Protein backbone atom coordinates (compact mmCIF):
# COMPACT_ATOMS: atom_id res chain seq x y z
CA MET A 1 132.63 205.66 31.81
CA LYS A 2 131.71 208.15 34.92
CA ILE A 3 132.05 212.07 34.37
CA ALA A 4 131.89 214.70 36.95
CA LEU A 5 129.66 217.70 36.06
CA ALA A 6 131.28 220.95 37.74
CA GLN A 7 128.71 224.22 38.13
CA LEU A 8 130.79 226.72 39.60
CA ASN A 9 130.32 230.49 40.25
CA PHE A 10 133.23 231.98 38.94
CA HIS A 11 134.66 235.50 39.39
CA ILE A 12 136.12 237.25 36.69
CA GLY A 13 139.74 238.04 36.92
CA ASN A 14 140.18 236.51 40.27
CA ILE A 15 142.08 233.42 38.87
CA GLY A 16 143.34 232.27 42.07
CA ALA A 17 140.38 231.91 43.78
CA ASN A 18 138.84 230.48 40.47
CA PHE A 19 141.60 227.95 40.69
CA GLU A 20 141.04 226.85 44.50
CA LYS A 21 137.18 226.30 43.24
CA ILE A 22 138.25 224.06 40.33
CA CYS A 23 141.33 221.97 42.79
CA THR A 24 138.21 221.36 45.17
CA ALA A 25 135.69 219.97 42.73
CA ILE A 26 138.80 217.83 40.95
CA ILE A 27 139.02 216.33 44.23
CA ARG A 28 135.48 215.87 44.73
CA ALA A 29 135.13 214.21 41.39
CA LYS A 30 138.07 211.99 42.02
CA ALA A 31 136.65 210.77 45.30
CA GLU A 32 133.65 209.64 43.08
CA GLY A 33 135.24 207.75 40.79
CA ALA A 34 134.89 209.85 37.93
CA GLN A 35 137.20 209.32 34.73
CA LEU A 36 136.70 212.99 33.35
CA ALA A 37 135.52 216.82 35.29
CA VAL A 38 133.86 218.94 33.14
CA PHE A 39 133.85 222.69 34.02
CA SER A 40 132.02 225.65 32.05
CA GLU A 41 133.48 228.15 29.38
CA LEU A 42 136.50 230.08 30.55
CA ALA A 43 136.05 228.76 33.99
CA ILE A 44 139.63 230.05 34.94
CA CYS A 45 139.30 233.28 34.16
CA GLY A 46 135.31 234.19 34.22
CA TYR A 47 132.98 235.04 31.36
CA PRO A 48 132.81 237.58 30.03
CA PRO A 49 136.22 238.72 30.59
CA GLN A 50 136.32 241.64 27.92
CA ASP A 51 139.22 243.79 27.60
CA LEU A 52 141.14 242.06 30.20
CA LEU A 53 142.40 239.54 27.38
CA GLU A 54 144.37 242.34 25.89
CA PHE A 55 146.43 242.25 29.00
CA SER A 56 149.48 240.10 28.75
CA GLY A 57 149.52 239.23 32.29
CA PHE A 58 146.03 238.24 32.55
CA ILE A 59 146.94 235.77 29.69
CA SER A 60 150.12 234.62 31.08
CA ALA A 61 148.36 233.94 34.62
CA THR A 62 145.90 231.72 32.58
CA GLU A 63 148.45 229.91 30.97
CA GLY A 64 149.95 229.16 34.59
CA THR A 65 146.90 227.82 36.29
CA LEU A 66 146.13 225.60 33.41
CA GLN A 67 150.04 224.11 34.49
CA LYS A 68 148.60 223.98 37.45
CA ILE A 69 145.28 222.02 36.85
CA ALA A 70 147.41 219.71 34.40
CA GLU A 71 149.25 219.05 37.70
CA LEU A 72 146.20 217.29 39.31
CA THR A 73 145.00 215.10 36.36
CA ASP A 74 147.35 212.00 37.18
CA ASN A 75 144.19 209.37 37.48
CA ILE A 76 141.39 211.79 36.04
CA ALA A 77 141.14 213.85 32.72
CA VAL A 78 139.77 217.40 32.82
CA LEU A 79 137.74 219.47 30.71
CA ILE A 80 137.89 223.01 31.11
CA GLY A 81 137.44 226.24 29.25
CA ALA A 82 140.24 228.57 29.13
CA PRO A 83 141.77 231.67 26.44
CA ILE A 84 144.16 229.91 24.55
CA LYS A 85 146.81 231.50 22.23
CA ASN A 86 146.41 231.32 18.62
CA SER A 87 149.31 229.71 16.97
CA LYS A 88 148.34 230.99 13.42
CA ASN A 89 149.07 234.34 12.54
CA ALA A 90 146.05 235.25 10.99
CA GLY A 91 143.10 236.83 12.94
CA ASN A 92 142.61 237.80 16.74
CA GLY A 93 145.48 236.27 18.95
CA LEU A 94 143.37 233.79 21.26
CA LEU A 95 141.13 231.52 20.78
CA ASN A 96 138.53 230.26 23.20
CA SER A 97 138.98 226.83 23.82
CA ALA A 98 137.88 224.07 25.65
CA VAL A 99 141.18 222.31 26.83
CA VAL A 100 141.76 218.68 28.00
CA MET A 101 144.04 217.44 30.66
CA HIS A 102 145.50 214.12 31.55
CA GLN A 103 147.78 212.43 33.68
CA GLY A 104 149.82 215.78 34.11
CA LYS A 105 149.83 217.36 30.51
CA ILE A 106 147.58 219.22 28.34
CA LEU A 107 146.84 216.74 25.65
CA HIS A 108 144.23 219.17 23.25
CA HIS A 109 142.54 222.32 22.98
CA ALA A 110 139.14 222.46 20.88
CA PRO A 111 138.60 226.09 19.68
CA LYS A 112 134.74 227.38 19.85
CA THR A 113 133.79 227.44 15.92
CA LEU A 114 131.10 229.92 16.21
CA LEU A 115 131.59 233.26 18.02
CA PRO A 116 128.48 235.64 19.03
CA ASN A 117 128.45 239.07 17.71
CA TYR A 118 124.92 239.78 18.91
CA ASP A 119 123.08 241.32 21.96
CA ILE A 120 125.65 241.45 24.90
CA PHE A 121 127.96 239.10 22.99
CA ASP A 122 131.03 240.37 21.61
CA GLU A 123 133.67 237.43 21.21
CA ARG A 124 134.76 238.26 18.04
CA ARG A 125 136.83 241.37 19.22
CA TYR A 126 138.68 238.73 20.78
CA PHE A 127 138.97 235.48 19.68
CA GLU A 128 139.46 234.03 16.43
CA PRO A 129 137.29 231.27 15.01
CA ILE A 130 138.86 227.83 14.12
CA GLN A 131 137.04 224.96 13.02
CA GLN A 132 138.59 221.47 12.90
CA ASN A 133 137.65 218.01 13.86
CA ASN A 134 137.28 218.47 18.24
CA CYS A 135 137.03 214.84 18.90
CA ILE A 136 139.36 212.75 20.95
CA THR A 137 139.82 209.39 22.32
CA LEU A 138 139.48 209.27 26.50
CA ASP A 139 139.30 205.39 28.35
CA GLY A 140 138.32 204.05 25.08
CA LYS A 141 135.00 206.73 24.49
CA LYS A 142 135.21 208.98 20.97
CA ILE A 143 134.34 212.35 22.07
CA LEU A 144 133.16 215.41 20.94
CA LEU A 145 133.72 218.44 22.23
CA SER A 146 132.06 222.06 21.57
CA VAL A 147 131.88 225.33 23.57
CA CYS A 148 128.93 226.76 24.04
CA GLU A 149 127.05 228.54 20.75
CA ASP A 150 128.55 225.70 18.81
CA LEU A 151 125.36 223.69 19.28
CA TRP A 152 123.17 226.64 18.54
CA PHE A 153 123.68 226.58 14.89
CA ASP A 154 120.07 226.16 13.37
CA GLY A 155 120.90 226.77 9.70
CA ASP A 156 121.14 230.34 10.23
CA LYS A 157 124.17 230.80 7.56
CA LYS A 158 123.59 234.86 7.88
CA ASN A 159 125.19 234.64 11.21
CA TYR A 160 128.20 232.25 10.70
CA PRO A 161 130.00 231.24 7.62
CA SER A 162 130.30 227.37 8.34
CA ASN A 163 127.95 224.82 10.45
CA PRO A 164 129.62 222.66 12.40
CA PHE A 165 126.84 219.83 12.38
CA GLU A 166 128.08 219.39 8.66
CA HIS A 167 131.11 217.34 9.68
CA TRP A 168 129.99 216.70 13.21
CA SER A 169 127.46 214.44 12.39
CA ASN A 170 129.70 211.87 10.53
CA GLU A 171 131.93 211.76 13.54
CA LYS A 172 129.65 209.14 15.16
CA PRO A 173 130.96 210.20 18.76
CA ASP A 174 129.72 208.11 22.02
CA LEU A 175 129.04 211.59 23.40
CA ILE A 176 128.83 215.58 23.41
CA LEU A 177 130.40 217.51 25.76
CA ASN A 178 129.29 221.23 25.74
CA ILE A 179 130.80 223.93 28.27
CA ALA A 180 129.37 227.00 28.25
CA ALA A 181 128.62 230.75 29.78
CA SER A 182 124.66 230.97 28.63
CA PRO A 183 123.24 233.97 30.45
CA PHE A 184 119.86 234.22 31.62
CA SER A 185 117.09 235.71 30.17
CA PHE A 186 113.75 234.30 31.95
CA GLU A 187 112.45 232.82 28.58
CA HIS A 188 116.03 231.12 27.69
CA PRO A 189 115.56 227.82 29.46
CA GLU A 190 113.22 226.49 27.36
CA ALA A 191 115.09 227.80 23.93
CA ARG A 192 118.73 226.30 25.35
CA LYS A 193 116.85 222.96 25.97
CA LYS A 194 115.68 222.69 22.23
CA ILE A 195 118.83 223.00 20.90
CA LEU A 196 120.77 220.96 22.88
CA SER A 197 117.71 217.90 22.25
CA LYS A 198 118.28 218.80 18.38
CA ALA A 199 121.82 217.96 18.64
CA ALA A 200 121.97 215.02 21.02
CA LYS A 201 118.99 213.66 18.01
CA LEU A 202 121.41 215.40 15.23
CA ILE A 203 124.78 213.39 16.27
CA ASN A 204 122.70 210.49 18.02
CA ALA A 205 124.83 210.94 20.92
CA PRO A 206 124.24 211.64 24.45
CA VAL A 207 124.96 215.31 25.59
CA PHE A 208 126.63 216.68 28.73
CA TYR A 209 126.51 220.06 29.05
CA VAL A 210 127.91 222.36 31.56
CA ASN A 211 126.86 225.57 32.36
CA ALA A 212 128.28 228.27 34.28
CA VAL A 213 126.09 230.53 37.27
CA GLY A 214 126.29 233.49 39.21
CA ALA A 215 126.02 236.77 38.54
CA GLN A 216 129.17 239.56 36.50
CA THR A 217 128.03 242.83 36.97
CA ASP A 218 125.05 243.28 34.67
CA LEU A 219 124.60 239.22 33.36
CA VAL A 220 123.30 236.58 35.53
CA PHE A 221 124.44 232.60 34.38
CA ASP A 222 122.01 230.83 35.57
CA GLY A 223 123.21 227.11 35.83
CA GLY A 224 120.72 224.51 34.93
CA SER A 225 123.60 222.15 33.52
CA MET A 226 122.04 219.16 32.14
CA VAL A 227 122.27 215.52 30.63
CA LEU A 228 120.73 214.49 27.53
CA ASN A 229 120.39 211.04 26.26
CA ARG A 230 120.72 210.12 22.46
CA GLU A 231 117.17 210.32 21.99
CA GLY A 232 117.31 214.27 22.80
CA ASN A 233 115.53 213.81 26.45
CA VAL A 234 116.71 215.17 29.19
CA VAL A 235 117.85 212.56 31.91
CA SER A 236 118.85 214.92 34.72
CA GLU A 237 119.36 218.60 35.29
CA LEU A 238 121.59 220.49 37.80
CA ASP A 239 120.38 223.18 40.30
CA TYR A 240 119.25 226.51 38.91
CA PHE A 241 120.92 229.33 40.40
CA LYS A 242 123.83 228.41 42.45
CA GLU A 243 126.58 225.82 42.43
CA ASP A 244 125.89 222.28 41.71
CA PHE A 245 128.03 219.31 40.96
CA GLN A 246 126.80 215.57 40.26
CA CYS A 247 128.56 212.58 38.88
CA PHE A 248 127.15 210.42 35.87
CA ASP A 249 127.90 206.84 34.40
CA LEU A 250 127.43 207.14 30.56
CA ASP A 251 125.97 203.76 30.16
CA TRP A 252 123.11 204.78 32.56
CA VAL A 253 122.42 207.79 30.42
CA LYS A 254 122.33 205.85 27.53
CA THR A 255 119.46 203.79 28.94
CA ALA A 256 118.03 206.44 31.41
CA LYS A 257 114.38 207.57 31.50
CA SER A 258 113.82 211.65 30.99
CA VAL A 259 113.20 213.33 34.24
CA PRO A 260 110.29 216.00 35.55
CA LEU A 261 112.47 219.49 34.73
CA GLU A 262 113.25 222.57 36.48
CA THR A 263 109.35 223.99 36.23
CA ASP A 264 108.66 220.92 39.04
CA LEU A 265 111.68 220.71 40.52
CA VAL A 266 112.85 224.43 40.92
CA PHE A 267 109.61 226.34 41.17
CA GLY A 268 107.10 223.91 42.48
CA SER A 269 103.51 224.80 41.50
CA SER A 270 104.38 228.22 40.63
CA PRO A 271 101.59 229.76 38.11
CA ASP A 272 104.21 232.06 36.55
CA VAL A 273 107.37 230.35 36.23
CA HIS A 274 108.82 233.87 34.37
CA THR A 275 108.39 235.98 37.45
CA ALA A 276 110.16 232.95 39.58
CA ARG A 277 112.90 232.62 37.22
CA ILE A 278 113.32 236.27 37.56
CA HIS A 279 112.92 236.63 41.46
CA LYS A 280 115.81 234.19 41.88
CA ALA A 281 117.75 235.97 39.00
CA LEU A 282 117.67 239.28 40.80
CA VAL A 283 118.66 238.05 44.01
CA LEU A 284 121.70 235.97 42.54
CA GLY A 285 122.58 239.37 40.90
CA ILE A 286 122.73 241.93 43.97
CA THR A 287 124.05 239.13 45.77
CA ASP A 288 127.16 238.24 43.40
CA TYR A 289 127.33 242.15 42.99
CA PHE A 290 127.74 242.76 46.36
CA ALA A 291 130.11 239.85 47.03
CA LYS A 292 132.36 240.18 44.33
CA MET A 293 132.78 243.89 44.60
CA GLY A 294 133.26 243.43 48.59
CA PHE A 295 130.55 245.01 50.23
CA LYS A 296 127.85 243.90 52.15
CA LYS A 297 125.48 246.35 52.74
CA ALA A 298 123.08 248.63 50.92
CA VAL A 299 121.06 251.52 51.36
CA LEU A 300 117.97 252.37 48.97
CA GLY A 301 115.24 255.17 49.29
CA LEU A 302 112.29 254.16 50.13
CA SER A 303 109.51 256.20 48.45
CA GLY A 304 106.42 254.42 49.55
CA GLY A 305 106.19 253.53 45.94
CA ILE A 306 105.92 249.69 44.29
CA ASP A 307 109.66 249.66 42.99
CA SER A 308 111.52 250.69 46.02
CA ALA A 309 109.38 248.64 47.70
CA VAL A 310 110.17 245.29 45.45
CA VAL A 311 113.78 246.13 45.41
CA ALA A 312 114.00 246.14 49.39
CA ALA A 313 112.74 242.99 49.69
CA LEU A 314 114.78 241.60 47.10
CA ALA A 315 117.99 243.55 49.16
CA ALA A 316 116.67 241.87 52.33
CA GLU A 317 116.79 238.19 50.73
CA ALA A 318 119.85 238.60 48.99
CA LEU A 319 122.28 240.46 51.59
CA GLY A 320 120.37 239.65 54.77
CA ALA A 321 117.72 242.57 56.32
CA GLU A 322 120.22 243.69 58.24
CA ASN A 323 122.60 244.59 55.94
CA VAL A 324 119.52 246.46 53.92
CA LEU A 325 119.00 250.62 55.02
CA GLY A 326 116.08 252.42 53.76
CA ILE A 327 115.77 256.10 53.80
CA LEU A 328 112.60 257.97 53.63
CA LEU A 329 112.74 261.55 52.26
CA PRO A 330 109.48 263.14 52.29
CA SER A 331 108.75 266.24 50.64
CA PRO A 332 105.90 269.04 51.19
CA PHE A 333 104.17 266.91 47.83
CA SER A 334 104.71 263.38 49.97
CA SER A 335 101.25 261.73 51.02
CA ASP A 336 100.84 260.14 54.67
CA HIS A 337 100.29 257.10 53.03
CA SER A 338 103.35 256.86 51.35
CA ILE A 339 105.10 257.56 54.51
CA SER A 340 103.19 254.93 56.41
CA ASP A 341 103.33 252.44 53.27
CA ALA A 342 107.24 252.93 53.70
CA LEU A 343 107.54 252.49 57.34
CA ASP A 344 105.13 248.96 56.69
CA VAL A 345 107.75 247.74 53.79
CA SER A 346 110.69 248.53 56.72
CA ARG A 347 108.83 246.66 59.21
CA ASN A 348 107.43 244.03 57.15
CA LEU A 349 110.87 243.08 55.93
CA ASN A 350 112.89 244.16 59.19
CA ILE A 351 115.02 246.12 57.61
CA SER A 352 116.54 249.37 59.45
CA HIS A 353 115.24 253.20 58.48
CA GLN A 354 115.83 256.44 58.82
CA THR A 355 113.73 259.67 57.72
CA ILE A 356 115.28 262.67 56.85
CA TYR A 357 112.78 265.37 55.64
CA ILE A 358 113.86 267.34 52.71
CA GLU A 359 111.71 271.08 52.82
CA GLU A 360 114.47 272.52 54.31
CA ALA A 361 117.05 271.78 51.17
CA MET A 362 114.22 272.66 48.73
CA LEU A 363 113.65 275.97 50.63
CA ALA A 364 117.32 276.35 50.49
CA PHE A 365 117.77 275.65 46.44
CA ASP A 366 114.89 278.10 45.74
CA SER A 367 116.50 280.64 47.75
CA ILE A 368 119.96 280.31 45.49
CA LEU A 369 118.27 279.91 42.12
CA LYS A 370 115.32 282.22 42.67
CA PRO A 371 116.88 285.41 41.68
CA LEU A 372 118.31 283.21 38.37
CA TRP A 373 114.38 283.31 36.83
CA PRO A 374 112.63 285.44 39.49
CA ASP A 375 109.91 285.62 37.21
CA ALA A 376 109.53 281.76 36.21
CA PRO A 377 106.69 279.61 37.60
CA ASN A 378 107.62 276.20 39.32
CA ASP A 379 107.93 273.64 36.89
CA VAL A 380 109.70 270.05 35.84
CA THR A 381 113.26 271.96 36.58
CA GLU A 382 111.71 272.40 40.73
CA GLU A 383 110.45 268.98 40.61
CA ASN A 384 114.03 267.39 39.41
CA ILE A 385 115.75 269.02 42.09
CA GLN A 386 113.51 267.53 44.57
CA ALA A 387 114.57 264.45 43.56
CA ARG A 388 118.49 265.57 43.23
CA ILE A 389 118.47 266.36 46.92
CA ARG A 390 117.23 262.84 47.13
CA GLY A 391 120.13 261.55 45.60
CA LEU A 392 122.53 263.74 47.03
CA ILE A 393 121.56 262.75 50.33
CA LEU A 394 121.56 259.20 49.41
CA MET A 395 124.95 258.91 47.61
CA ALA A 396 126.03 261.36 51.08
CA ILE A 397 125.02 258.17 53.37
CA SER A 398 126.71 255.79 50.49
CA ASN A 399 130.04 257.53 50.87
CA LYS A 400 129.83 258.27 54.78
CA LYS A 401 128.70 254.68 55.60
CA GLY A 402 130.05 252.86 52.86
CA HIS A 403 126.69 251.37 51.53
CA LEU A 404 126.09 250.74 48.20
CA LEU A 405 123.58 252.49 46.39
CA LEU A 406 120.39 250.35 45.24
CA ASN A 407 118.84 252.07 41.74
CA THR A 408 114.97 251.21 41.92
CA THR A 409 114.46 252.57 38.05
CA ASN A 410 112.43 250.17 35.98
CA LYS A 411 112.20 249.31 32.48
CA SER A 412 109.32 251.29 31.43
CA GLU A 413 110.59 254.70 33.32
CA ALA A 414 113.93 254.37 31.76
CA ALA A 415 112.95 253.53 28.57
CA VAL A 416 110.87 257.37 28.11
CA GLY A 417 113.08 259.11 30.45
CA TYR A 418 110.74 259.09 33.41
CA GLY A 419 113.43 259.84 35.63
CA THR A 420 115.91 262.39 37.24
CA LEU A 421 119.25 262.23 35.95
CA TYR A 422 121.42 262.50 39.27
CA GLY A 423 118.79 261.87 41.16
CA ASP A 424 116.39 258.79 41.41
CA MET A 425 118.53 257.36 38.44
CA CYS A 426 121.44 257.57 40.76
CA GLY A 427 123.29 254.15 42.02
CA ALA A 428 125.47 251.17 41.92
CA ILE A 429 123.08 248.95 40.11
CA ALA A 430 119.83 249.27 38.74
CA VAL A 431 118.31 246.07 39.85
CA LEU A 432 114.69 246.80 38.27
CA GLY A 433 116.25 248.44 35.21
CA ASP A 434 115.18 245.19 33.04
CA LEU A 435 111.58 245.05 34.54
CA TYR A 436 108.84 246.94 33.00
CA LYS A 437 106.18 248.19 35.47
CA THR A 438 103.90 245.46 34.85
CA GLN A 439 106.68 242.90 35.61
CA VAL A 440 107.12 244.78 38.61
CA TYR A 441 103.59 244.51 39.59
CA ASN A 442 103.84 240.49 39.05
CA LEU A 443 106.64 240.31 41.29
CA ALA A 444 105.19 241.74 43.99
CA HIS A 445 102.73 239.44 44.10
CA TYR A 446 105.18 236.79 43.84
CA LEU A 447 106.78 237.97 46.61
CA ASN A 448 103.76 238.41 48.87
CA ARG A 449 103.13 234.70 47.96
CA ASP A 450 104.32 233.41 51.51
CA GLY A 451 103.26 236.44 53.80
CA ILE A 452 103.01 240.19 52.75
CA LYS A 453 105.92 241.70 52.00
CA ILE A 454 104.84 244.33 49.82
CA PRO A 455 101.68 246.16 51.67
CA THR A 456 98.41 245.58 49.53
CA ASN A 457 98.14 249.45 49.66
CA ILE A 458 101.50 250.05 47.64
CA ILE A 459 100.28 247.50 44.66
CA THR A 460 96.99 249.07 44.77
CA LYS A 461 96.89 252.55 45.12
CA ALA A 462 98.04 254.49 41.83
CA PRO A 463 101.72 255.18 40.85
CA SER A 464 103.14 258.75 41.76
CA ALA A 465 106.22 260.51 41.94
CA GLU A 466 105.08 263.20 44.72
CA LEU A 467 106.80 265.99 42.80
CA ARG A 468 104.11 268.14 43.08
CA PRO A 469 100.25 268.55 44.10
CA ASN A 470 98.05 265.29 43.34
CA GLN A 471 100.76 264.28 40.91
CA LYS A 472 100.11 260.98 39.06
CA ASP A 473 102.05 258.94 36.78
CA SER A 474 99.06 258.53 34.42
CA ASP A 475 99.25 262.52 33.92
CA SER A 476 102.58 261.99 31.69
CA LEU A 477 102.48 258.33 30.51
CA PRO A 478 100.12 255.98 29.03
CA ASP A 479 98.14 253.58 31.11
CA TYR A 480 101.50 250.85 32.32
CA GLU A 481 99.49 248.27 30.23
CA LEU A 482 99.63 249.94 26.81
CA LEU A 483 103.04 251.45 27.49
CA ASP A 484 104.46 248.32 28.29
CA ARG A 485 103.08 246.62 24.97
CA ILE A 486 103.93 248.87 22.94
CA LEU A 487 107.87 248.88 24.42
CA LYS A 488 108.26 245.24 24.37
CA LEU A 489 107.12 244.97 20.78
CA ARG A 490 109.71 248.07 19.96
CA ILE A 491 112.76 246.82 21.98
CA GLU A 492 112.24 243.48 22.62
CA HIS A 493 110.84 242.18 18.96
CA HIS A 494 112.02 245.11 17.06
CA TYR A 495 108.68 246.52 15.65
CA SER A 496 108.97 249.19 13.31
CA LYS A 497 106.82 252.58 13.75
CA ASN A 498 104.28 251.18 11.07
CA GLU A 499 104.15 247.41 12.33
CA LEU A 500 103.16 249.00 15.62
CA ILE A 501 100.46 250.85 14.26
CA THR A 502 98.87 247.87 12.38
CA GLU A 503 99.09 246.16 15.18
CA GLY A 504 96.28 248.02 16.35
CA LEU A 505 97.96 250.25 19.03
CA PRO A 506 97.01 254.26 18.98
CA GLU A 507 98.81 255.79 16.49
CA SER A 508 99.45 258.77 18.45
CA VAL A 509 100.28 256.68 21.43
CA VAL A 510 102.80 254.80 19.33
CA LEU A 511 104.51 258.22 18.19
CA ARG A 512 104.41 259.83 21.48
CA VAL A 513 106.12 256.55 23.09
CA LEU A 514 108.90 256.43 19.81
CA LYS A 515 109.78 260.15 20.57
CA LEU A 516 110.22 259.57 24.03
CA LEU A 517 112.59 256.59 23.99
CA ASN A 518 114.32 257.90 21.55
CA GLN A 519 114.87 261.36 23.12
CA SER A 520 115.94 259.66 26.36
CA GLU A 521 119.07 257.61 25.09
CA TYR A 522 121.17 260.02 26.56
CA LYS A 523 119.79 259.22 30.04
CA ARG A 524 120.10 255.50 29.73
CA HIS A 525 124.19 256.12 28.84
CA GLN A 526 124.22 257.40 32.29
CA MET A 527 122.36 254.66 34.26
CA PRO A 528 124.11 252.07 36.25
CA PRO A 529 124.22 248.89 35.53
CA VAL A 530 121.15 247.27 34.48
CA LEU A 531 120.79 243.61 35.67
CA ARG A 532 119.89 241.33 32.93
CA VAL A 533 116.92 239.26 32.77
CA SER A 534 115.27 239.58 29.71
CA SER A 535 116.60 239.04 25.88
CA LYS A 536 117.08 242.40 25.15
CA ALA A 537 117.87 244.95 28.18
CA PHE A 538 119.22 248.50 28.33
CA GLY A 539 123.18 248.45 28.34
CA SER A 540 125.89 246.15 26.55
CA GLY A 541 122.96 244.47 24.43
CA ARG A 542 121.11 247.16 23.11
CA ARG A 543 123.49 249.97 21.24
CA PHE A 544 122.14 252.95 19.96
CA PRO A 545 123.65 256.27 19.11
CA ILE A 546 122.84 259.30 21.29
CA VAL A 547 122.65 261.72 18.53
CA ALA A 548 120.61 259.96 15.82
CA GLN A 549 117.41 259.99 13.98
CA ASN A 550 115.34 257.09 14.63
CA ASP A 551 111.88 257.23 13.39
CA PHE A 552 111.66 253.99 11.70
């Protein structure tokens, strides 16, 4: 039996374009002699469709497209993910299903049993979990069908009421097919391989795994579809962060040996695989956000700091240097090196730039506002006005030129509120919003691996917002190494206040950082979407009330 794995970049809701991609892949699979073509979870409509699933017209469109795909299966079977109406009266009205089509007909659909309801997932909002025998016979082979999370059961019964493996292990299938939309985080590929390997060994059957690829707003799907033999060894791996298509002979898989994995095949001898993955994920995130929104050009503020320099480099790679415009917005407090560093970034990346001095606007606002507080000294109010002047100018350029504004706030700043609402926190997408400041420095070094993109002075100088004379980030924040350690333990690993202190972290710093983190929740609720690259990003995967006492 020959099986084609089609790892494609779908567009949520763009069912017509998705259908064209699927058709092209089916034609190719037929040409290469495949008996079965396999596509990812909810491929027809894109993942995650969220509340689009509540529109009857949306469901009708997916149903009609399934029928059109079935018409292409005269001499090939197709397995594809789609929302299917729940025929039972109880529960939610839809099933997240793996649909099998052959000889012009829909033969079977296997509903997803384990519906994730943690982090960014909310599948129980739309779908009903149904456990049934998901084995079918095709071309004389007994095939176990599963959808993403179904293979992720690891004995933790607190999340799910049932374990599919309890009856699957008795089915003795010839192979397992798993269709998935598994979002990227930089530590996730190892966990994914471990889970798939465990499934192959428990059920004693090879696994054919097809993952989604491409970015959907804040979520990046990294692909990395793979085939594992019954011993749980990866015998082939599709590309990462791009579309791919490969055919496999089942008899070959049964005897194939393990292969070098993504660390060697994709990222070469990089000393920091996590940073290399993050780089590819962010470039794909920018590319797809613009392409799927119908935009080509980006604008951003070039401050001469490391965050804007890294975002500019990523944008130039994702969109092309000719489509990126950097705006220098110096004030009387801007240092000469910040201006020269920003100009060096522009030259290194070959992007266009313009310089707009904001002192005149600062004086105008001072004239307007000073009568309201004639005797009050300058403070954070005037500092924030500078940031808001810059935000206003950047948004005006965005409106007039049709460029999307890239936000350059990093995760450390967003966590502690070190940013100005409607100023440097505005934009269409937050490129670095899931990278701590220390990770931004790592990424800057990685971007310079083949030549200087980020000027050395930007990497080595002390970071500063330059909103007052001689200002440094360290005036307001702990050292970033310490700050980021506290934040990561709190945000990603849910350490309590007492656990952080027991870890040996300075109590006064811990208390201060947690206070800033809690007080800044209202700012983060107003941030642009954040490209997710970690296991816990700000946004849909981290849900905290704004007005809450959080001293735990």
